[in-house]
C-alpha atoms as a PDB file:
ATOM      1  CA  UNK A   1      42.852  37.969  40.067  1.00  0.00           C
ATOM      2  CA  UNK A   2      39.706  36.010  39.202  1.00  0.00           C
ATOM      3  CA  UNK A   3      39.487  32.349  40.035  1.00  0.00           C
ATOM      4  CA  UNK A   4      38.938  29.974  37.034  1.00  0.00           C
ATOM      5  CA  UNK A   5      36.705  27.823  39.270  1.00  0.00           C
ATOM      6  CA  UNK A   6      33.321  29.443  38.285  1.00  0.00           C
ATOM      7  CA  UNK A   7      34.133  29.049  34.580  1.00  0.00           C
ATOM      8  CA  UNK A   8      35.001  25.354  35.083  1.00  0.00           C
ATOM      9  CA  UNK A   9      31.858  24.799  37.106  1.00  0.00           C
ATOM     10  CA  UNK A  10      29.775  26.495  34.409  1.00  0.00           C
ATOM     11  CA  UNK A  11      31.305  24.355  31.666  1.00  0.00           C
ATOM     12  CA  UNK A  12      30.929  21.224  33.782  1.00  0.00           C
ATOM     13  CA  UNK A  13      27.286  22.059  34.489  1.00  0.00           C
ATOM     14  CA  UNK A  14      26.543  22.582  30.784  1.00  0.00           C
ATOM     15  CA  UNK A  15      28.220  19.296  29.837  1.00  0.00           C
ATOM     16  CA  UNK A  16      26.391  17.436  32.606  1.00  0.00           C
ATOM     17  CA  UNK A  17      23.075  18.909  31.450  1.00  0.00           C
ATOM     18  CA  UNK A  18      23.686  17.915  27.827  1.00  0.00           C
ATOM     19  CA  UNK A  19      24.673  14.382  28.791  1.00  0.00           C
ATOM     20  CA  UNK A  20      21.575  14.061  30.956  1.00  0.00           C
ATOM     21  CA  UNK A  21      19.277  15.289  28.203  1.00  0.00           C
ATOM     22  CA  UNK A  22      20.690  13.094  25.460  1.00  0.00           C
ATOM     23  CA  UNK A  23      21.145   9.963  27.543  1.00  0.00           C
ATOM     24  CA  UNK A  24      17.608  10.145  28.934  1.00  0.00           C
ATOM     25  CA  UNK A  25      15.920  11.038  25.655  1.00  0.00           C
ATOM     26  CA  UNK A  26      13.658   8.258  24.423  1.00  0.00           C
ATOM     27  CA  UNK A  27      15.067   6.425  21.463  1.00  0.00           C
ATOM     28  CA  UNK A  28      13.096   6.622  18.263  1.00  0.00           C
ATOM     29  CA  UNK A  29      11.477   3.359  17.312  1.00  0.00           C
ATOM     30  CA  UNK A  30      10.026   2.726  13.904  1.00  0.00           C
ATOM     31  CA  UNK A  31       6.526   1.438  14.524  1.00  0.00           C
ATOM     32  CA  UNK A  32       5.120  -0.121  11.374  1.00  0.00           C
ATOM     33  CA  UNK A  33       2.066   1.422   9.778  1.00  0.00           C
ATOM     34  CA  UNK A  34      -1.165  -0.127  11.133  1.00  0.00           C
ATOM     35  CA  UNK A  35      -1.775  -1.603   7.674  1.00  0.00           C
ATOM     36  CA  UNK A  36       0.232  -1.850   4.489  1.00  0.00           C
ATOM     37  CA  UNK A  37      -1.034  -2.270   0.952  1.00  0.00           C
ATOM     38  CA  UNK A  38       1.314  -3.717  -1.638  1.00  0.00           C
ATOM     39  CA  UNK A  39       0.863  -4.543  -5.305  1.00  0.00           C
ATOM     40  CA  UNK A  40       2.429  -7.040  -7.684  1.00  0.00           C
ATOM     41  CA  UNK A  41       1.795  -8.118 -11.273  1.00  0.00           C
ATOM     42  CA  UNK A  42       2.446 -11.473 -12.870  1.00  0.00           C
ATOM     43  CA  UNK A  43       3.933  -9.778 -15.947  1.00  0.00           C
ATOM     44  CA  UNK A  44       5.496  -6.416 -16.725  1.00  0.00           C
ATOM     45  CA  UNK A  45       4.332  -6.560 -20.346  1.00  0.00           C
ATOM     46  CA  UNK A  46       1.401  -7.806 -22.360  1.00  0.00           C
ATOM     47  CA  UNK A  47       0.065  -7.493 -25.890  1.00  0.00           C
ATOM     48  CA  UNK A  48      -3.337  -6.429 -27.201  1.00  0.00           C
ATOM     49  CA  UNK A  49      -5.782  -9.190 -26.281  1.00  0.00           C
ATOM     50  CA  UNK A  50      -3.625 -10.323 -23.340  1.00  0.00           C
ATOM     51  CA  UNK A  51      -4.239 -10.382 -19.610  1.00  0.00           C
ATOM     52  CA  UNK A  52      -2.215  -9.430 -16.556  1.00  0.00           C
ATOM     53  CA  UNK A  53      -2.909 -10.468 -12.967  1.00  0.00           C
ATOM     54  CA  UNK A  54      -2.725  -7.533 -10.525  1.00  0.00           C
ATOM     55  CA  UNK A  55      -2.406  -8.736  -6.920  1.00  0.00           C
ATOM     56  CA  UNK A  56      -3.114  -6.476  -3.941  1.00  0.00           C
ATOM     57  CA  UNK A  57      -2.053  -7.589  -0.466  1.00  0.00           C
ATOM     58  CA  UNK A  58      -3.385  -5.859   2.637  1.00  0.00           C
ATOM     59  CA  UNK A  59      -1.398  -6.671   5.798  1.00  0.00           C
ATOM     60  CA  UNK A  60      -2.671  -5.998   9.329  1.00  0.00           C
ATOM     61  CA  UNK A  61       0.325  -4.795  11.393  1.00  0.00           C
ATOM     62  CA  UNK A  62      -1.789  -3.912  14.423  1.00  0.00           C
ATOM     63  CA  UNK A  63      -2.705  -6.012  17.473  1.00  0.00           C
ATOM     64  CA  UNK A  64      -6.435  -5.764  16.688  1.00  0.00           C
ATOM     65  CA  UNK A  65      -8.509  -7.292  13.902  1.00  0.00           C
ATOM     66  CA  UNK A  66      -9.264  -5.334  10.732  1.00  0.00           C
ATOM     67  CA  UNK A  67     -13.051  -5.307  10.541  1.00  0.00           C
ATOM     68  CA  UNK A  68     -13.678  -3.111   7.530  1.00  0.00           C
ATOM     69  CA  UNK A  69     -11.713  -1.987   4.472  1.00  0.00           C
ATOM     70  CA  UNK A  70     -12.667   0.487   1.761  1.00  0.00           C
ATOM     71  CA  UNK A  71     -10.341   0.799  -1.218  1.00  0.00           C
ATOM     72  CA  UNK A  72     -10.378   2.619  -4.527  1.00  0.00           C
ATOM     73  CA  UNK A  73      -8.252   1.877  -7.557  1.00  0.00           C
ATOM     74  CA  UNK A  74      -8.007   4.346 -10.407  1.00  0.00           C
ATOM     75  CA  UNK A  75      -5.821   4.768 -13.503  1.00  0.00           C
ATOM     76  CA  UNK A  76      -2.860   7.111 -13.193  1.00  0.00           C
ATOM     77  CA  UNK A  77      -2.996  10.443 -14.977  1.00  0.00           C
ATOM     78  CA  UNK A  78      -0.547   9.268 -17.671  1.00  0.00           C
ATOM     79  CA  UNK A  79      -2.724   6.207 -18.319  1.00  0.00           C
ATOM     80  CA  UNK A  80      -5.786   8.411 -18.831  1.00  0.00           C
ATOM     81  CA  UNK A  81      -3.869  10.517 -21.368  1.00  0.00           C
ATOM     82  CA  UNK A  82      -3.627   7.554 -23.768  1.00  0.00           C
ATOM     83  CA  UNK A  83      -7.157   7.086 -25.175  1.00  0.00           C
ATOM     84  CA  UNK A  84      -5.827   4.330 -27.460  1.00  0.00           C
ATOM     85  CA  UNK A  85      -5.137   2.087 -24.441  1.00  0.00           C
ATOM     86  CA  UNK A  86      -8.229  -0.055 -23.908  1.00  0.00           C
ATOM     87  CA  UNK A  87      -8.521  -2.326 -20.886  1.00  0.00           C
ATOM     88  CA  UNK A  88     -10.903  -3.459 -18.170  1.00  0.00           C
ATOM     89  CA  UNK A  89     -10.944  -5.564 -15.020  1.00  0.00           C
ATOM     90  CA  UNK A  90     -12.631  -8.833 -15.944  1.00  0.00           C
ATOM     91  CA  UNK A  91     -12.107 -10.970 -12.875  1.00  0.00           C
ATOM     92  CA  UNK A  92     -11.413 -10.841  -9.179  1.00  0.00           C
ATOM     93  CA  UNK A  93     -10.416 -13.548  -6.708  1.00  0.00           C
ATOM     94  CA  UNK A  94      -9.556 -13.697  -3.014  1.00  0.00           C
ATOM     95  CA  UNK A  95      -6.801 -16.090  -1.931  1.00  0.00           C
ATOM     96  CA  UNK A  96      -7.939 -18.270   0.985  1.00  0.00           C
ATOM     97  CA  UNK A  97      -6.532 -21.317   2.764  1.00  0.00           C
ATOM     98  CA  UNK A  98      -9.004 -23.451   0.782  1.00  0.00           C
ATOM     99  CA  UNK A  99      -8.018 -21.876  -2.547  1.00  0.00           C
ATOM    100  CA  UNK A 100      -9.258 -18.889  -4.506  1.00  0.00           C
ATOM    101  CA  UNK A 101     -12.825 -17.677  -4.192  1.00  0.00           C
ATOM    102  CA  UNK A 102     -14.555 -15.085  -6.352  1.00  0.00           C
ATOM    103  CA  UNK A 103     -14.649 -11.529  -5.052  1.00  0.00           C
ATOM    104  CA  UNK A 104     -17.847  -9.707  -4.275  1.00  0.00           C
ATOM    105  CA  UNK A 105     -17.394  -7.519  -7.329  1.00  0.00           C
ATOM    106  CA  UNK A 106     -14.994  -6.184  -9.897  1.00  0.00           C
ATOM    107  CA  UNK A 107     -14.248  -2.718 -11.130  1.00  0.00           C
ATOM    108  CA  UNK A 108     -12.298   0.317 -10.089  1.00  0.00           C
ATOM    109  CA  UNK A 109     -14.261   1.283  -6.962  1.00  0.00           C
ATOM    110  CA  UNK A 110     -15.087  -0.091  -3.523  1.00  0.00           C
ATOM    111  CA  UNK A 111     -12.673  -3.005  -3.519  1.00  0.00           C
ATOM    112  CA  UNK A 112     -12.642  -3.200   0.270  1.00  0.00           C
ATOM    113  CA  UNK A 113     -15.362  -5.821   0.532  1.00  0.00           C
ATOM    114  CA  UNK A 114     -13.241  -8.084  -1.654  1.00  0.00           C
ATOM    115  CA  UNK A 115     -10.740  -8.682   1.164  1.00  0.00           C
ATOM    116  CA  UNK A 116     -13.229 -10.988   2.830  1.00  0.00           C
ATOM    117  CA  UNK A 117     -13.927 -11.309   6.516  1.00  0.00           C
ATOM    118  CA  UNK A 118     -11.877 -10.095   9.431  1.00  0.00           C
ATOM    119  CA  UNK A 119      -8.085  -9.857   8.995  1.00  0.00           C
ATOM    120  CA  UNK A 120      -6.438 -10.959  12.279  1.00  0.00           C
ATOM    121  CA  UNK A 121      -3.303  -9.249  13.632  1.00  0.00           C
ATOM    122  CA  UNK A 122      -0.167 -10.083  11.653  1.00  0.00           C
ATOM    123  CA  UNK A 123      -2.082 -11.665   8.773  1.00  0.00           C
ATOM    124  CA  UNK A 124      -2.656 -10.605   5.175  1.00  0.00           C
ATOM    125  CA  UNK A 125      -5.311 -10.959   2.521  1.00  0.00           C
ATOM    126  CA  UNK A 126      -4.528 -10.977  -1.193  1.00  0.00           C
ATOM    127  CA  UNK A 127      -7.007 -10.018  -3.879  1.00  0.00           C
ATOM    128  CA  UNK A 128      -6.092 -10.567  -7.526  1.00  0.00           C
ATOM    129  CA  UNK A 129      -7.740  -8.603 -10.312  1.00  0.00           C
ATOM    130  CA  UNK A 130      -7.518  -9.737 -13.932  1.00  0.00           C
ATOM    131  CA  UNK A 131      -6.637  -6.837 -16.218  1.00  0.00           C
ATOM    132  CA  UNK A 132      -7.814  -7.594 -19.761  1.00  0.00           C
ATOM    133  CA  UNK A 133      -6.236  -5.531 -22.539  1.00  0.00           C
ATOM    134  CA  UNK A 134      -8.584  -5.169 -25.516  1.00  0.00           C
ATOM    135  CA  UNK A 135      -7.579  -6.776 -28.795  1.00  0.00           C
ATOM    136  CA  UNK A 136      -7.782  -3.365 -30.506  1.00  0.00           C
ATOM    137  CA  UNK A 137      -5.824  -1.524 -27.793  1.00  0.00           C
ATOM    138  CA  UNK A 138      -3.009   0.822 -28.702  1.00  0.00           C
ATOM    139  CA  UNK A 139       0.566  -0.277 -28.134  1.00  0.00           C
ATOM    140  CA  UNK A 140       3.710   1.075 -26.512  1.00  0.00           C
ATOM    141  CA  UNK A 141       1.881   2.613 -23.606  1.00  0.00           C
ATOM    142  CA  UNK A 142       1.959   1.943 -19.883  1.00  0.00           C
ATOM    143  CA  UNK A 143      -1.131   1.069 -17.866  1.00  0.00           C
ATOM    144  CA  UNK A 144      -0.789   1.999 -14.207  1.00  0.00           C
ATOM    145  CA  UNK A 145      -3.097   2.539 -11.253  1.00  0.00           C
ATOM    146  CA  UNK A 146      -3.077   4.159  -7.835  1.00  0.00           C
ATOM    147  CA  UNK A 147      -5.093   3.337  -4.766  1.00  0.00           C
ATOM    148  CA  UNK A 148      -6.333   4.891  -1.539  1.00  0.00           C
ATOM    149  CA  UNK A 149      -7.619   2.774   1.311  1.00  0.00           C
ATOM    150  CA  UNK A 150      -9.315   3.115   4.675  1.00  0.00           C
ATOM    151  CA  UNK A 151      -9.383   0.379   7.349  1.00  0.00           C
ATOM    152  CA  UNK A 152     -11.215   0.107  10.669  1.00  0.00           C
ATOM    153  CA  UNK A 153     -10.022  -2.063  13.568  1.00  0.00           C
ATOM    154  CA  UNK A 154     -11.842  -3.912  16.337  1.00  0.00           C
ATOM    155  CA  UNK A 155     -10.519  -1.383  18.891  1.00  0.00           C
ATOM    156  CA  UNK A 156     -12.556   1.345  17.080  1.00  0.00           C
ATOM    157  CA  UNK A 157      -9.424   2.951  15.606  1.00  0.00           C
ATOM    158  CA  UNK A 158      -8.882   3.480  11.895  1.00  0.00           C
ATOM    159  CA  UNK A 159      -6.149   4.215   9.408  1.00  0.00           C
ATOM    160  CA  UNK A 160      -5.908   5.335   5.818  1.00  0.00           C
ATOM    161  CA  UNK A 161      -3.191   5.323   3.224  1.00  0.00           C
ATOM    162  CA  UNK A 162      -2.317   6.270  -0.266  1.00  0.00           C
ATOM    163  CA  UNK A 163      -1.710   6.939  -2.880  1.00  0.00           C
ATOM    164  CA  UNK A 164      -0.167   3.512  -3.335  1.00  0.00           C
ATOM    165  CA  UNK A 165       0.946   2.875  -6.914  1.00  0.00           C
ATOM    166  CA  UNK A 166       0.785  -0.388  -8.840  1.00  0.00           C
ATOM    167  CA  UNK A 167       3.596  -1.581 -11.077  1.00  0.00           C
ATOM    168  CA  UNK A 168       2.979  -0.377 -14.616  1.00  0.00           C
ATOM    169  CA  UNK A 169       2.168  -2.849 -17.367  1.00  0.00           C
ATOM    170  CA  UNK A 170       3.606  -2.073 -20.787  1.00  0.00           C
ATOM    171  CA  UNK A 171       1.402  -2.914 -23.769  1.00  0.00           C
ATOM    172  CA  UNK A 172       3.604  -4.135 -26.614  1.00  0.00           C
ATOM    173  CA  UNK A 173       2.762  -4.930 -30.226  1.00  0.00           C
ATOM    174  CA  UNK A 174       3.496  -8.490 -31.268  1.00  0.00           C
END
């Protein structure tokens, strides 16, 4: 008759191995992205001739300074399919401790310089674009944008992200 001892030892060895593997496995930690880009608008709707403030906040989640940012902002495909929607960016400001200052430029490209100087670890910069809807713009359409960005840090590393989508603004007829 065979002894049940080898079977018990085999089962015990397998259980011991599994416990060792799972108890010593490193736990997954959710490191935040090196930078995050978020958008907000001051209104979800506007009318022809109206304006909407589109705020973009870049947050440095890394332990090194952000030295350089390049960002694009372009209309979504659905926005481009409505030729009756007429709009443009007419203003740009950077929020600072001393108040708002004008950006280095407006428009849908190269917004990175608008974030100002170095962004220290754990801090954010907010840029606000003014979206002007033309007085003769079509109605009942949504205006939305998407963005890609690239950031370089003082430790010579870099990160990129996108597409990041803005909230859509609905153009209503009064």
